[in-house]
PDB file of N, CA and C in Angstrom:
ATOM      1  N   MET A   1     157.596 135.539  51.384  1.00  0.00           N
ATOM      2  CA  MET A   1     157.269 134.082  51.563  1.00  0.00           C
ATOM      3  C   MET A   1     158.667 132.795  51.122  1.00  0.00           C
ATOM      4  N   GLU A   2     158.329 133.576  49.922  1.00  0.00           N
ATOM      5  CA  GLU A   2     159.622 132.235  49.352  1.00  0.00           C
ATOM      6  C   GLU A   2     160.918 131.671  49.981  1.00  0.00           C
ATOM      7  N   ARG A   3     161.371 132.689  50.839  1.00  0.00           N
ATOM      8  CA  ARG A   3     162.709 132.673  51.847  1.00  0.00           C
ATOM      9  C   ARG A   3     162.552 131.960  52.963  1.00  0.00           C
ATOM     10  N   ILE A   4     160.983 132.461  53.515  1.00  0.00           N
ATOM     11  CA  ILE A   4     160.729 131.490  54.886  1.00  0.00           C
ATOM     12  C   ILE A   4     160.404 130.666  54.316  1.00  0.00           C
ATOM     13  N   THR A   5     160.130 129.829  53.013  1.00  0.00           N
ATOM     14  CA  THR A   5     159.925 128.325  52.637  1.00  0.00           C
ATOM     15  C   THR A   5     161.760 127.955  52.827  1.00  0.00           C
ATOM     16  N   LYS A   6     162.363 127.964  52.155  1.00  0.00           N
ATOM     17  CA  LYS A   6     163.583 127.965  51.838  1.00  0.00           C
ATOM     18  C   LYS A   6     164.113 127.955  52.918  1.00  0.00           C
ATOM     19  N   LEU A   7     164.084 128.617  54.291  1.00  0.00           N
ATOM     20  CA  LEU A   7     164.976 128.289  55.490  1.00  0.00           C
ATOM     21  C   LEU A   7     164.267 127.084  56.056  1.00  0.00           C
ATOM     22  N   ASN A   8     162.792 127.018  55.874  1.00  0.00           N
ATOM     23  CA  ASN A   8     162.324 125.506  56.985  1.00  0.00           C
ATOM     24  C   ASN A   8     162.918 124.522  55.845  1.00  0.00           C
ATOM     25  N   GLN A   9     163.142 124.162  54.594  1.00  0.00           N
ATOM     26  CA  GLN A   9     163.842 123.555  53.798  1.00  0.00           C
ATOM     27  C   GLN A   9     165.077 123.061  54.078  1.00  0.00           C
ATOM     28  N   MET A  10     165.679 124.380  54.848  1.00  0.00           N
ATOM     29  CA  MET A  10     166.938 124.190  54.918  1.00  0.00           C
ATOM     30  C   MET A  10     166.770 123.365  56.336  1.00  0.00           C
ATOM     31  N   PHE A  11     166.255 124.027  57.369  1.00  0.00           N
ATOM     32  CA  PHE A  11     166.096 123.164  58.381  1.00  0.00           C
ATOM     33  C   PHE A  11     165.776 121.582  58.471  1.00  0.00           C
ATOM     34  N   LEU A  12     164.984 121.087  57.378  1.00  0.00           N
ATOM     35  CA  LEU A  12     165.044 119.221  56.878  1.00  0.00           C
ATOM     36  C   LEU A  12     166.103 119.305  56.542  1.00  0.00           C
ATOM     37  N   ARG A  13     166.884 119.899  55.777  1.00  0.00           N
ATOM     38  CA  ARG A  13     167.917 118.867  55.134  1.00  0.00           C
ATOM     39  C   ARG A  13     169.005 119.129  55.852  1.00  0.00           C
ATOM     40  N   TYR A  14     169.291 119.643  57.221  1.00  0.00           N
ATOM     41  CA  TYR A  14     170.225 119.504  58.608  1.00  0.00           C
ATOM     42  C   TYR A  14     169.774 118.678  59.346  1.00  0.00           C
ATOM     43  N   GLY A  15     168.465 117.708  59.087  1.00  0.00           N
ATOM     44  CA  GLY A  15     168.490 116.660  60.156  1.00  0.00           C
ATOM     45  C   GLY A  15     167.246 117.461  60.968  1.00  0.00           C
ATOM     46  N   PHE A  16     166.367 118.273  61.117  1.00  0.00           N
ATOM     47  CA  PHE A  16     165.132 119.059  61.802  1.00  0.00           C
ATOM     48  C   PHE A  16     163.755 118.423  60.995  1.00  0.00           C
ATOM     49  N   LEU A  17     163.288 117.383  61.918  1.00  0.00           N
ATOM     50  CA  LEU A  17     162.212 117.506  61.261  1.00  0.00           C
ATOM     51  C   LEU A  17     160.749 118.383  61.410  1.00  0.00           C
ATOM     52  N   VAL A  18     161.077 119.157  61.867  1.00  0.00           N
ATOM     53  CA  VAL A  18     159.965 120.413  62.256  1.00  0.00           C
ATOM     54  C   VAL A  18     161.313 121.694  62.108  1.00  0.00           C
ATOM     55  N   CYS A  19     160.879 122.949  62.147  1.00  0.00           N
ATOM     56  CA  CYS A  19     161.455 124.422  62.054  1.00  0.00           C
ATOM     57  C   CYS A  19     161.307 124.684  63.395  1.00  0.00           C
ATOM     58  N   PRO A  20     162.328 124.600  64.086  1.00  0.00           N
ATOM     59  CA  PRO A  20     162.387 125.319  65.017  1.00  0.00           C
ATOM     60  C   PRO A  20     161.802 126.642  65.617  1.00  0.00           C
ATOM     61  N   LEU A  21     161.929 127.049  64.459  1.00  0.00           N
ATOM     62  CA  LEU A  21     161.842 128.855  64.432  1.00  0.00           C
ATOM     63  C   LEU A  21     159.748 128.663  63.736  1.00  0.00           C
ATOM     64  N   THR A  22     159.030 129.808  64.020  1.00  0.00           N
ATOM     65  CA  THR A  22     158.142 129.736  63.806  1.00  0.00           C
ATOM     66  C   THR A  22     158.457 130.518  62.557  1.00  0.00           C
ATOM     67  N   ASN A  23     157.018 130.991  61.436  1.00  0.00           N
ATOM     68  CA  ASN A  23     157.076 131.283  60.487  1.00  0.00           C
ATOM     69  C   ASN A  23     157.157 133.252  60.927  1.00  0.00           C
ATOM     70  N   ASP A  24     156.303 133.597  62.093  1.00  0.00           N
ATOM     71  CA  ASP A  24     156.479 135.185  62.190  1.00  0.00           C
ATOM     72  C   ASP A  24     158.092 134.644  62.760  1.00  0.00           C
ATOM     73  N   GLU A  25     158.324 134.039  63.618  1.00  0.00           N
ATOM     74  CA  GLU A  25     159.626 134.617  63.951  1.00  0.00           C
ATOM     75  C   GLU A  25     160.836 134.166  62.931  1.00  0.00           C
ATOM     76  N   ILE A  26     160.537 133.388  62.067  1.00  0.00           N
ATOM     77  CA  ILE A  26     161.376 134.141  60.668  1.00  0.00           C
ATOM     78  C   ILE A  26     161.759 135.271  59.267  1.00  0.00           C
ATOM     79  N   SER A  27     160.461 135.775  59.516  1.00  0.00           N
ATOM     80  CA  SER A  27     160.000 137.065  59.657  1.00  0.00           C
ATOM     81  C   SER A  27     160.807 138.108  59.431  1.00  0.00           C
ATOM     82  N   PHE A  28     160.067 138.070  61.173  1.00  0.00           N
ATOM     83  CA  PHE A  28     161.348 139.032  62.284  1.00  0.00           C
ATOM     84  C   PHE A  28     162.613 139.215  62.100  1.00  0.00           C
ATOM     85  N   LEU A  29     163.193 138.410  61.805  1.00  0.00           N
ATOM     86  CA  LEU A  29     164.513 138.141  61.800  1.00  0.00           C
ATOM     87  C   LEU A  29     164.840 138.473  60.303  1.00  0.00           C
ATOM     88  N   ILE A  30     164.346 138.461  59.447  1.00  0.00           N
ATOM     89  CA  ILE A  30     164.294 138.544  57.916  1.00  0.00           C
ATOM     90  C   ILE A  30     164.287 139.974  57.808  1.00  0.00           C
ATOM     91  N   SER A  31     163.431 140.363  58.181  1.00  0.00           N
ATOM     92  CA  SER A  31     162.990 142.174  58.381  1.00  0.00           C
ATOM     93  C   SER A  31     164.454 142.996  58.876  1.00  0.00           C
ATOM     94  N   ASP A  32     164.723 141.938  60.108  1.00  0.00           N
ATOM     95  CA  ASP A  32     166.123 142.626  61.015  1.00  0.00           C
ATOM     96  C   ASP A  32     167.287 142.678  60.365  1.00  0.00           C
ATOM     97  N   ASP A  33     166.957 141.902  58.808  1.00  0.00           N
ATOM     98  CA  ASP A  33     168.175 141.646  57.992  1.00  0.00           C
ATOM     99  C   ASP A  33     169.672 140.760  58.719  1.00  0.00           C
ATOM    100  N   TYR A  34     168.731 139.718  58.571  1.00  0.00           N
ATOM    101  CA  TYR A  34     170.023 138.151  59.472  1.00  0.00           C
ATOM    102  C   TYR A  34     170.022 137.846  57.891  1.00  0.00           C
ATOM    103  N   THR A  35     170.760 136.955  57.995  1.00  0.00           N
ATOM    104  CA  THR A  35     171.904 136.603  57.224  1.00  0.00           C
ATOM    105  C   THR A  35     170.528 134.992  57.112  1.00  0.00           C
ATOM    106  N   ASP A  36     170.692 134.226  56.286  1.00  0.00           N
ATOM    107  CA  ASP A  36     170.231 132.199  56.433  1.00  0.00           C
ATOM    108  C   ASP A  36     170.903 131.851  57.636  1.00  0.00           C
ATOM    109  N   LYS A  37     172.200 131.961  57.255  1.00  0.00           N
ATOM    110  CA  LYS A  37     173.036 131.015  58.374  1.00  0.00           C
ATOM    111  C   LYS A  37     172.854 131.950  59.667  1.00  0.00           C
ATOM    112  N   VAL A  38     172.774 132.729  59.755  1.00  0.00           N
ATOM    113  CA  VAL A  38     172.398 133.566  61.387  1.00  0.00           C
ATOM    114  C   VAL A  38     170.604 132.974  61.255  1.00  0.00           C
ATOM    115  N   ILE A  39     169.889 132.812  60.909  1.00  0.00           N
ATOM    116  CA  ILE A  39     168.725 132.141  61.264  1.00  0.00           C
ATOM    117  C   ILE A  39     168.623 131.165  61.434  1.00  0.00           C
ATOM    118  N   TYR A  40     169.577 130.256  60.920  1.00  0.00           N
ATOM    119  CA  TYR A  40     169.696 128.908  60.670  1.00  0.00           C
ATOM    120  C   TYR A  40     170.415 128.695  62.350  1.00  0.00           C
ATOM    121  N   ASP A  41     171.392 129.457  62.640  1.00  0.00           N
ATOM    122  CA  ASP A  41     171.834 129.058  63.953  1.00  0.00           C
ATOM    123  C   ASP A  41     171.069 129.855  65.031  1.00  0.00           C
ATOM    124  N   ILE A  42     170.724 130.706  65.199  1.00  0.00           N
ATOM    125  CA  ILE A  42     169.359 130.957  65.695  1.00  0.00           C
ATOM    126  C   ILE A  42     168.561 129.666  66.380  1.00  0.00           C
ATOM    127  N   GLY A  43     168.159 129.197  65.125  1.00  0.00           N
ATOM    128  CA  GLY A  43     166.910 128.342  65.142  1.00  0.00           C
ATOM    129  C   GLY A  43     167.836 126.980  65.910  1.00  0.00           C
ATOM    130  N   CYS A  44     168.648 126.612  65.781  1.00  0.00           N
ATOM    131  CA  CYS A  44     169.587 125.674  66.737  1.00  0.00           C
ATOM    132  C   CYS A  44     169.818 125.763  68.180  1.00  0.00           C
ATOM    133  N   ASP A  45     169.934 127.637  68.267  1.00  0.00           N
ATOM    134  CA  ASP A  45     169.745 127.534  69.761  1.00  0.00           C
ATOM    135  C   ASP A  45     168.258 127.514  70.230  1.00  0.00           C
ATOM    136  N   VAL A  46     167.442 127.818  69.309  1.00  0.00           N
ATOM    137  CA  VAL A  46     165.953 127.527  69.987  1.00  0.00           C
ATOM    138  C   VAL A  46     165.642 125.893  70.373  1.00  0.00           C
ATOM    139  N   ALA A  47     166.232 125.146  69.062  1.00  0.00           N
ATOM    140  CA  ALA A  47     166.115 124.141  69.458  1.00  0.00           C
ATOM    141  C   ALA A  47     166.370 123.668  70.531  1.00  0.00           C
ATOM    142  N   SER A  48     167.784 124.334  70.374  1.00  0.00           N
ATOM    143  CA  SER A  48     168.616 123.471  72.554  1.00  0.00           C
ATOM    144  C   SER A  48     167.626 123.756  73.349  1.00  0.00           C
ATOM    145  N   GLY A  49     166.785 124.515  73.291  1.00  0.00           N
ATOM    146  CA  GLY A  49     165.948 125.027  74.592  1.00  0.00           C
ATOM    147  C   GLY A  49     165.835 126.765  75.328  1.00  0.00           C
ATOM    148  N   PHE A  50     167.163 126.868  74.250  1.00  0.00           N
ATOM    149  CA  PHE A  50     167.227 128.450  74.341  1.00  0.00           C
ATOM    150  C   PHE A  50     165.619 129.424  73.966  1.00  0.00           C
ATOM    151  N   PRO A  51     165.032 130.509  74.954  1.00  0.00           N
ATOM    152  CA  PRO A  51     163.758 131.151  73.945  1.00  0.00           C
ATOM    153  C   PRO A  51     164.505 132.066  73.036  1.00  0.00           C
ATOM    154  N   PHE A  52     163.509 131.838  71.710  1.00  0.00           N
ATOM    155  CA  PHE A  52     163.507 132.623  70.977  1.00  0.00           C
ATOM    156  C   PHE A  52     164.219 134.744  71.115  1.00  0.00           C
ATOM    157  N   GLU A  53     163.487 134.735  72.069  1.00  0.00           N
ATOM    158  CA  GLU A  53     163.423 136.520  72.196  1.00  0.00           C
ATOM    159  C   GLU A  53     164.995 136.886  73.252  1.00  0.00           C
ATOM    160  N   GLU A  54     165.778 135.166  73.806  1.00  0.00           N
ATOM    161  CA  GLU A  54     166.546 135.501  74.814  1.00  0.00           C
ATOM    162  C   GLU A  54     167.716 135.103  73.624  1.00  0.00           C
ATOM    163  N   THR A  55     168.038 134.341  72.748  1.00  0.00           N
ATOM    164  CA  THR A  55     168.916 134.249  71.654  1.00  0.00           C
ATOM    165  C   THR A  55     168.634 135.073  70.765  1.00  0.00           C
ATOM    166  N   VAL A  56     168.115 136.258  70.940  1.00  0.00           N
ATOM    167  CA  VAL A  56     168.290 137.184  69.640  1.00  0.00           C
ATOM    168  C   VAL A  56     168.665 138.791  70.129  1.00  0.00           C
ATOM    169  N   THR A  57     167.816 138.570  71.631  1.00  0.00           N
ATOM    170  CA  THR A  57     168.632 139.698  72.720  1.00  0.00           C
ATOM    171  C   THR A  57     170.671 139.299  72.739  1.00  0.00           C
ATOM    172  N   ALA A  58     170.647 138.522  72.926  1.00  0.00           N
ATOM    173  CA  ALA A  58     172.181 137.973  73.176  1.00  0.00           C
ATOM    174  C   ALA A  58     172.841 137.844  71.800  1.00  0.00           C
ATOM    175  N   TYR A  59     172.687 137.787  70.838  1.00  0.00           N
ATOM    176  CA  TYR A  59     172.823 137.567  69.118  1.00  0.00           C
ATOM    177  C   TYR A  59     173.484 139.681  69.052  1.00  0.00           C
ATOM    178  N   GLU A  60     172.210 140.277  69.200  1.00  0.00           N
ATOM    179  CA  GLU A  60     172.394 141.477  69.421  1.00  0.00           C
ATOM    180  C   GLU A  60     173.428 141.974  70.083  1.00  0.00           C
ATOM    181  N   LYS A  61     173.822 141.510  71.483  1.00  0.00           N
ATOM    182  CA  LYS A  61     174.721 142.824  71.837  1.00  0.00           C
ATOM    183  C   LYS A  61     175.927 141.742  71.981  1.00  0.00           C
ATOM    184  N   CYS A  62     176.221 140.900  71.012  1.00  0.00           N
ATOM    185  CA  CYS A  62     177.646 140.873  70.536  1.00  0.00           C
ATOM    186  C   CYS A  62     177.868 141.248  69.409  1.00  0.00           C
ATOM    187  N   SER A  63     178.805 142.502  69.534  1.00  0.00           N
ATOM    188  CA  SER A  63     179.268 143.299  67.871  1.00  0.00           C
ATOM    189  C   SER A  63     179.155 142.023  67.116  1.00  0.00           C
ATOM    190  N   TRP A  64     180.268 141.135  67.694  1.00  0.00           N
ATOM    191  CA  TRP A  64     181.045 140.039  66.198  1.00  0.00           C
ATOM    192  C   TRP A  64     179.274 139.368  65.663  1.00  0.00           C
ATOM    193  N   LEU A  65     178.828 138.968  66.497  1.00  0.00           N
ATOM    194  CA  LEU A  65     177.974 138.056  65.791  1.00  0.00           C
ATOM    195  C   LEU A  65     176.981 138.833  65.201  1.00  0.00           C
ATOM    196  N   VAL A  66     176.521 140.737  65.519  1.00  0.00           N
ATOM    197  CA  VAL A  66     175.460 141.177  64.760  1.00  0.00           C
ATOM    198  C   VAL A  66     176.075 141.393  62.883  1.00  0.00           C
ATOM    199  N   LYS A  67     177.940 141.431  63.115  1.00  0.00           N
ATOM    200  CA  LYS A  67     177.720 141.680  61.716  1.00  0.00           C
ATOM    201  C   LYS A  67     178.123 140.575  61.258  1.00  0.00           C
ATOM    202  N   GLU A  68     178.478 139.281  61.485  1.00  0.00           N
ATOM    203  CA  GLU A  68     178.422 137.869  60.824  1.00  0.00           C
ATOM    204  C   GLU A  68     177.004 138.193  60.446  1.00  0.00           C
ATOM    205  N   ALA A  69     175.729 138.406  61.281  1.00  0.00           N
ATOM    206  CA  ALA A  69     174.748 138.621  61.023  1.00  0.00           C
ATOM    207  C   ALA A  69     173.844 138.576  59.764  1.00  0.00           C
ATOM    208  N   ARG A  70     174.921 140.393  59.459  1.00  0.00           N
ATOM    209  CA  ARG A  70     174.503 141.135  58.570  1.00  0.00           C
ATOM    210  C   ARG A  70     175.588 141.343  57.017  1.00  0.00           C
ATOM    211  N   THR A  71     176.437 140.431  57.696  1.00  0.00           N
ATOM    212  CA  THR A  71     177.341 140.598  56.215  1.00  0.00           C
ATOM    213  C   THR A  71     177.628 139.235  55.233  1.00  0.00           C
ATOM    214  N   THR A  72     177.438 137.171  55.873  1.00  0.00           N
ATOM    215  CA  THR A  72     177.527 136.454  55.093  1.00  0.00           C
ATOM    216  C   THR A  72     176.322 135.682  54.520  1.00  0.00           C
ATOM    217  N   ASN A  73     176.983 134.871  54.137  1.00  0.00           N
ATOM    218  CA  ASN A  73     175.634 134.193  54.028  1.00  0.00           C
ATOM    219  C   ASN A  73     175.716 132.635  53.341  1.00  0.00           C
ATOM    220  N   ASP A  74     176.823 132.108  54.639  1.00  0.00           N
ATOM    221  CA  ASP A  74     177.051 130.885  54.037  1.00  0.00           C
ATOM    222  C   ASP A  74     176.534 129.657  54.101  1.00  0.00           C
ATOM    223  N   TYR A  75     175.206 129.446  53.736  1.00  0.00           N
ATOM    224  CA  TYR A  75     174.339 128.387  53.544  1.00  0.00           C
ATOM    225  C   TYR A  75     173.472 128.492  52.223  1.00  0.00           C
TER     226      TYR A  75
END
């Protein structure tokens, strides 16, 4: 739960009034080994109007995004 709180605070810090991802969506991404940076990027895509499932599928289909998603944590 601590990481979910941290991610919600990150969205607030970068200008979101509310987190574009639900706690369940964040939990799913955490359990699938996504870094905070990529979870934030996915949240930005969702905030732009892309459906969560479609966004995650797109990240999974792009091997370079998946590699980044699981190896870097720049935020």
